[in-house]
Amino acid sequence: MKEQVKLGKLLGSAEQRDAVHVAVIPVIAAEVLMPGQQVDVFKHVSGEWMARSSYKTIGIVDPYLKHNVEPDKHRFYVLLYPNTVTSLRHEWQHPLIDGDGDGK
């Protein structure tokens, strides 16, 4: 069986190209955050998930963002650390299945 890609680890010479699944959660910044910054998330009294710097981090701010994230302005993804989620799924939609059944 092929070994899993180990993000967050240095690589040896035998590793090949691959693709990975990364668990993400959409959040709002509680403070100014930088792309790639390690963060914690918490549920605000409003019910929104928010991200902040913390000593007990669970993931990183989307490292592909080109600018810092300002507090209370934009939603963005936090990428959770590899091998920390207990279940991983994909959500998808199809017009025939999710629509009214006529494919329109």
N, C-alpha and C. Protein backbone atom coordinates (compact mmCIF):
# COMPACT_ATOMS: atom_id res chain seq x y z
N MET A 1 0.84 -1.18 0.00
CA MET A 1 0.00 0.00 0.00
C MET A 1 0.89 1.24 0.00
N LYS A 2 0.49 2.22 -0.78
CA LYS A 2 1.25 3.46 -0.86
C LYS A 2 1.14 4.24 0.44
N GLU A 3 2.25 4.83 0.87
CA GLU A 3 2.22 5.66 2.07
C GLU A 3 1.50 6.97 1.81
N GLN A 4 0.91 7.53 2.85
CA GLN A 4 0.25 8.82 2.72
C GLN A 4 1.27 9.94 2.63
N VAL A 5 0.89 11.00 1.91
CA VAL A 5 1.72 12.20 1.87
C VAL A 5 1.78 12.77 3.28
N LYS A 6 2.95 13.15 3.71
CA LYS A 6 3.12 13.66 5.08
C LYS A 6 3.45 15.15 5.03
N LEU A 7 2.40 15.97 4.98
CA LEU A 7 2.61 17.42 5.03
C LEU A 7 3.16 17.79 6.39
N GLY A 8 3.98 18.81 6.42
CA GLY A 8 4.58 19.24 7.68
C GLY A 8 5.81 18.44 8.06
N LYS A 9 6.29 17.59 7.18
CA LYS A 9 7.50 16.77 7.41
C LYS A 9 8.47 17.03 6.27
N LEU A 10 9.75 16.95 6.56
CA LEU A 10 10.76 17.03 5.51
C LEU A 10 10.72 15.76 4.68
N LEU A 11 11.04 15.87 3.40
CA LEU A 11 10.93 14.73 2.50
C LEU A 11 12.27 14.07 2.23
N GLY A 12 12.20 12.77 1.96
CA GLY A 12 13.37 12.05 1.49
C GLY A 12 13.43 12.12 -0.03
N SER A 13 14.30 11.35 -0.63
CA SER A 13 14.50 11.42 -2.08
C SER A 13 13.52 10.56 -2.87
N ALA A 14 12.75 9.69 -2.22
CA ALA A 14 11.88 8.76 -2.93
C ALA A 14 10.45 9.26 -3.16
N GLU A 15 10.09 10.37 -2.57
CA GLU A 15 8.72 10.84 -2.68
C GLU A 15 8.40 11.28 -4.10
N GLN A 16 7.14 11.04 -4.50
CA GLN A 16 6.65 11.35 -5.84
C GLN A 16 5.59 12.44 -5.76
N ARG A 17 5.19 12.94 -6.92
CA ARG A 17 4.06 13.86 -6.97
C ARG A 17 2.82 13.16 -6.45
N ASP A 18 1.91 13.94 -5.88
CA ASP A 18 0.69 13.36 -5.35
C ASP A 18 -0.33 14.48 -5.16
N ALA A 19 -1.48 14.15 -4.69
CA ALA A 19 -2.51 15.12 -4.32
C ALA A 19 -2.95 14.79 -2.90
N VAL A 20 -3.43 15.79 -2.19
CA VAL A 20 -3.81 15.57 -0.80
C VAL A 20 -5.20 16.12 -0.53
N HIS A 21 -5.83 15.58 0.49
CA HIS A 21 -7.07 16.14 1.03
C HIS A 21 -6.68 16.94 2.25
N VAL A 22 -7.22 18.13 2.37
CA VAL A 22 -6.98 18.97 3.54
C VAL A 22 -8.33 19.41 4.07
N ALA A 23 -8.58 19.17 5.35
CA ALA A 23 -9.82 19.62 5.96
C ALA A 23 -9.74 21.13 6.15
N VAL A 24 -10.83 21.83 5.79
CA VAL A 24 -10.88 23.29 5.92
C VAL A 24 -12.16 23.70 6.63
N ILE A 25 -12.11 24.86 7.27
CA ILE A 25 -13.30 25.43 7.90
C ILE A 25 -13.36 26.91 7.53
N PRO A 26 -14.53 27.39 7.05
CA PRO A 26 -14.65 28.81 6.75
C PRO A 26 -14.82 29.59 8.06
N VAL A 27 -14.06 30.68 8.19
CA VAL A 27 -14.06 31.46 9.43
C VAL A 27 -14.00 32.96 9.12
N ILE A 28 -14.13 33.75 10.16
CA ILE A 28 -13.92 35.20 10.11
C ILE A 28 -12.77 35.50 11.07
N ALA A 29 -11.91 36.44 10.71
CA ALA A 29 -10.77 36.79 11.57
C ALA A 29 -11.25 37.58 12.79
N ALA A 30 -10.74 37.22 13.95
CA ALA A 30 -11.02 37.97 15.18
C ALA A 30 -9.98 39.07 15.38
N GLU A 31 -8.90 39.01 14.61
CA GLU A 31 -7.80 39.98 14.67
C GLU A 31 -7.10 39.94 13.32
N VAL A 32 -6.16 40.83 13.09
CA VAL A 32 -5.41 40.79 11.82
C VAL A 32 -4.61 39.49 11.79
N LEU A 33 -4.78 38.73 10.71
CA LEU A 33 -4.08 37.46 10.54
C LEU A 33 -3.37 37.44 9.20
N MET A 34 -2.23 36.77 9.17
CA MET A 34 -1.41 36.67 7.96
C MET A 34 -1.61 35.31 7.29
N PRO A 35 -1.49 35.26 5.96
CA PRO A 35 -1.53 33.96 5.28
C PRO A 35 -0.50 33.01 5.89
N GLY A 36 -0.91 31.79 6.15
CA GLY A 36 -0.01 30.79 6.72
C GLY A 36 0.15 30.86 8.23
N GLN A 37 -0.43 31.86 8.87
CA GLN A 37 -0.29 32.00 10.33
C GLN A 37 -1.03 30.87 11.05
N GLN A 38 -0.42 30.34 12.09
CA GLN A 38 -1.05 29.30 12.89
C GLN A 38 -2.12 29.93 13.78
N VAL A 39 -3.31 29.29 13.80
CA VAL A 39 -4.44 29.86 14.52
C VAL A 39 -5.25 28.80 15.24
N ASP A 40 -6.09 29.28 16.14
CA ASP A 40 -7.12 28.51 16.83
C ASP A 40 -8.44 29.00 16.26
N VAL A 41 -9.50 28.23 16.38
CA VAL A 41 -10.83 28.70 15.99
C VAL A 41 -11.78 28.57 17.18
N PHE A 42 -12.77 29.44 17.21
CA PHE A 42 -13.78 29.38 18.27
C PHE A 42 -15.11 29.85 17.72
N LYS A 43 -16.18 29.43 18.34
CA LYS A 43 -17.52 29.83 17.90
C LYS A 43 -17.92 31.08 18.68
N HIS A 44 -18.16 32.16 17.96
CA HIS A 44 -18.58 33.43 18.52
C HIS A 44 -20.03 33.31 19.00
N VAL A 45 -20.46 34.21 19.89
CA VAL A 45 -21.85 34.18 20.36
C VAL A 45 -22.84 34.35 19.21
N SER A 46 -22.39 34.94 18.10
CA SER A 46 -23.24 35.12 16.92
C SER A 46 -23.46 33.79 16.17
N GLY A 47 -22.68 32.77 16.53
CA GLY A 47 -22.75 31.49 15.84
C GLY A 47 -21.71 31.33 14.75
N GLU A 48 -20.98 32.40 14.43
CA GLU A 48 -19.93 32.36 13.41
C GLU A 48 -18.65 31.75 13.99
N TRP A 49 -17.95 30.95 13.18
CA TRP A 49 -16.64 30.45 13.56
C TRP A 49 -15.63 31.55 13.28
N MET A 50 -14.74 31.79 14.23
CA MET A 50 -13.75 32.85 14.11
C MET A 50 -12.37 32.28 14.38
N ALA A 51 -11.34 32.95 13.84
CA ALA A 51 -9.95 32.50 14.02
C ALA A 51 -9.16 33.57 14.74
N ARG A 52 -8.19 33.12 15.55
CA ARG A 52 -7.32 34.02 16.29
C ARG A 52 -5.98 33.34 16.54
N SER A 53 -4.97 34.17 16.82
CA SER A 53 -3.68 33.59 17.21
C SER A 53 -3.86 33.02 18.62
N SER A 54 -3.14 31.95 18.91
CA SER A 54 -3.31 31.26 20.19
C SER A 54 -2.13 30.34 20.42
N TYR A 55 -1.96 29.91 21.64
CA TYR A 55 -0.92 28.95 21.94
C TYR A 55 -1.38 27.52 21.61
N LYS A 56 -2.68 27.31 21.44
CA LYS A 56 -3.22 25.98 21.13
C LYS A 56 -3.81 25.97 19.72
N THR A 57 -2.95 26.02 18.73
CA THR A 57 -3.40 26.14 17.34
C THR A 57 -3.90 24.81 16.79
N ILE A 58 -4.84 24.92 15.83
CA ILE A 58 -5.37 23.72 15.19
C ILE A 58 -5.18 23.74 13.68
N GLY A 59 -4.67 24.85 13.16
CA GLY A 59 -4.48 24.94 11.72
C GLY A 59 -3.84 26.25 11.32
N ILE A 60 -3.87 26.53 10.00
CA ILE A 60 -3.25 27.75 9.49
C ILE A 60 -4.22 28.52 8.60
N VAL A 61 -4.03 29.84 8.58
CA VAL A 61 -4.77 30.70 7.65
C VAL A 61 -4.40 30.28 6.23
N ASP A 62 -5.36 30.30 5.34
CA ASP A 62 -5.13 29.94 3.95
C ASP A 62 -3.80 30.53 3.46
N PRO A 63 -2.80 29.69 3.18
CA PRO A 63 -1.48 30.21 2.81
C PRO A 63 -1.44 30.80 1.41
N TYR A 64 -2.51 30.61 0.64
CA TYR A 64 -2.54 31.12 -0.73
C TYR A 64 -3.12 32.53 -0.82
N LEU A 65 -3.61 33.05 0.30
CA LEU A 65 -4.09 34.43 0.29
C LEU A 65 -2.93 35.37 0.00
N LYS A 66 -3.20 36.44 -0.69
CA LYS A 66 -2.14 37.38 -1.07
C LYS A 66 -2.01 38.54 -0.09
N HIS A 67 -2.97 38.70 0.83
CA HIS A 67 -2.95 39.81 1.78
C HIS A 67 -3.37 39.33 3.15
N ASN A 68 -3.03 40.10 4.16
CA ASN A 68 -3.52 39.82 5.51
C ASN A 68 -5.04 39.86 5.53
N VAL A 69 -5.62 39.17 6.51
CA VAL A 69 -7.06 39.18 6.68
C VAL A 69 -7.39 40.14 7.82
N GLU A 70 -8.28 41.07 7.56
CA GLU A 70 -8.68 42.07 8.55
C GLU A 70 -9.81 41.52 9.42
N PRO A 71 -9.84 41.92 10.68
CA PRO A 71 -10.88 41.41 11.58
C PRO A 71 -12.29 41.82 11.15
N ASP A 72 -13.20 40.89 11.30
CA ASP A 72 -14.64 41.10 11.06
C ASP A 72 -14.99 41.52 9.64
N LYS A 73 -14.09 41.34 8.66
CA LYS A 73 -14.38 41.80 7.30
C LYS A 73 -14.64 40.68 6.32
N HIS A 74 -13.72 39.73 6.19
CA HIS A 74 -13.81 38.72 5.15
C HIS A 74 -13.84 37.32 5.73
N ARG A 75 -14.52 36.44 5.00
CA ARG A 75 -14.48 35.02 5.36
C ARG A 75 -13.31 34.39 4.61
N PHE A 76 -12.68 33.42 5.19
CA PHE A 76 -11.57 32.72 4.58
C PHE A 76 -11.49 31.32 5.18
N TYR A 77 -10.66 30.48 4.59
CA TYR A 77 -10.50 29.13 5.11
C TYR A 77 -9.31 29.03 6.06
N VAL A 78 -9.51 28.24 7.11
CA VAL A 78 -8.41 27.76 7.94
C VAL A 78 -8.20 26.31 7.52
N LEU A 79 -6.97 25.97 7.18
CA LEU A 79 -6.61 24.60 6.84
C LEU A 79 -6.20 23.89 8.11
N LEU A 80 -6.90 22.83 8.47
CA LEU A 80 -6.61 22.10 9.70
C LEU A 80 -5.35 21.26 9.53
N TYR A 81 -4.65 21.07 10.62
CA TYR A 81 -3.42 20.28 10.57
C TYR A 81 -3.71 18.87 10.07
N PRO A 82 -2.78 18.30 9.30
CA PRO A 82 -2.96 16.94 8.78
C PRO A 82 -3.14 15.93 9.91
N ASN A 83 -3.94 14.93 9.64
CA ASN A 83 -4.18 13.80 10.56
C ASN A 83 -4.79 14.22 11.89
N THR A 84 -5.56 15.32 11.91
CA THR A 84 -6.21 15.73 13.15
C THR A 84 -7.72 15.58 13.10
N VAL A 85 -8.31 15.42 11.92
CA VAL A 85 -9.75 15.25 11.84
C VAL A 85 -10.11 13.78 11.95
N THR A 86 -11.28 13.51 12.47
CA THR A 86 -11.69 12.12 12.67
C THR A 86 -12.54 11.60 11.52
N SER A 87 -13.00 12.49 10.64
CA SER A 87 -13.79 12.10 9.47
C SER A 87 -13.56 13.16 8.40
N LEU A 88 -13.53 12.73 7.14
CA LEU A 88 -13.31 13.65 6.04
C LEU A 88 -14.28 13.29 4.93
N ARG A 89 -14.99 14.30 4.40
CA ARG A 89 -15.95 14.04 3.33
C ARG A 89 -15.90 15.16 2.31
N HIS A 90 -16.46 14.90 1.15
CA HIS A 90 -16.61 15.91 0.12
C HIS A 90 -18.09 16.22 -0.01
N GLU A 91 -18.41 17.46 -0.24
CA GLU A 91 -19.78 17.85 -0.52
C GLU A 91 -19.87 18.23 -1.98
N TRP A 92 -20.90 17.81 -2.65
CA TRP A 92 -21.05 18.14 -4.04
C TRP A 92 -22.52 18.36 -4.35
N GLN A 93 -22.78 18.97 -5.49
CA GLN A 93 -24.15 19.19 -5.94
C GLN A 93 -24.26 18.77 -7.39
N HIS A 94 -25.45 18.34 -7.76
CA HIS A 94 -25.75 17.98 -9.14
C HIS A 94 -27.15 18.50 -9.44
N PRO A 95 -27.36 19.19 -10.57
CA PRO A 95 -28.66 19.80 -10.83
C PRO A 95 -29.82 18.80 -10.86
N LEU A 96 -29.58 17.59 -11.33
CA LEU A 96 -30.65 16.59 -11.40
C LEU A 96 -31.01 16.08 -10.02
N ILE A 97 -30.02 15.95 -9.17
CA ILE A 97 -30.25 15.39 -7.84
C ILE A 97 -30.68 16.47 -6.84
N ASP A 98 -30.02 17.63 -6.89
CA ASP A 98 -30.30 18.69 -5.92
C ASP A 98 -31.38 19.65 -6.37
N GLY A 99 -31.70 19.63 -7.67
CA GLY A 99 -32.72 20.53 -8.22
C GLY A 99 -34.10 19.93 -8.10
N ASP A 100 -34.95 20.25 -9.06
CA ASP A 100 -36.32 19.76 -9.03
C ASP A 100 -36.50 18.45 -9.78
N GLY A 101 -35.39 17.82 -10.20
CA GLY A 101 -35.46 16.51 -10.84
C GLY A 101 -35.52 16.54 -12.35
N ASP A 102 -35.64 17.72 -12.96
CA ASP A 102 -35.71 17.76 -14.42
C ASP A 102 -34.38 18.15 -15.08
N GLY A 103 -33.31 18.32 -14.27
CA GLY A 103 -31.99 18.61 -14.81
C GLY A 103 -31.78 20.06 -15.19
N LYS A 104 -32.72 20.93 -14.86
CA LYS A 104 -32.58 22.35 -15.22
C LYS A 104 -32.12 23.17 -14.03
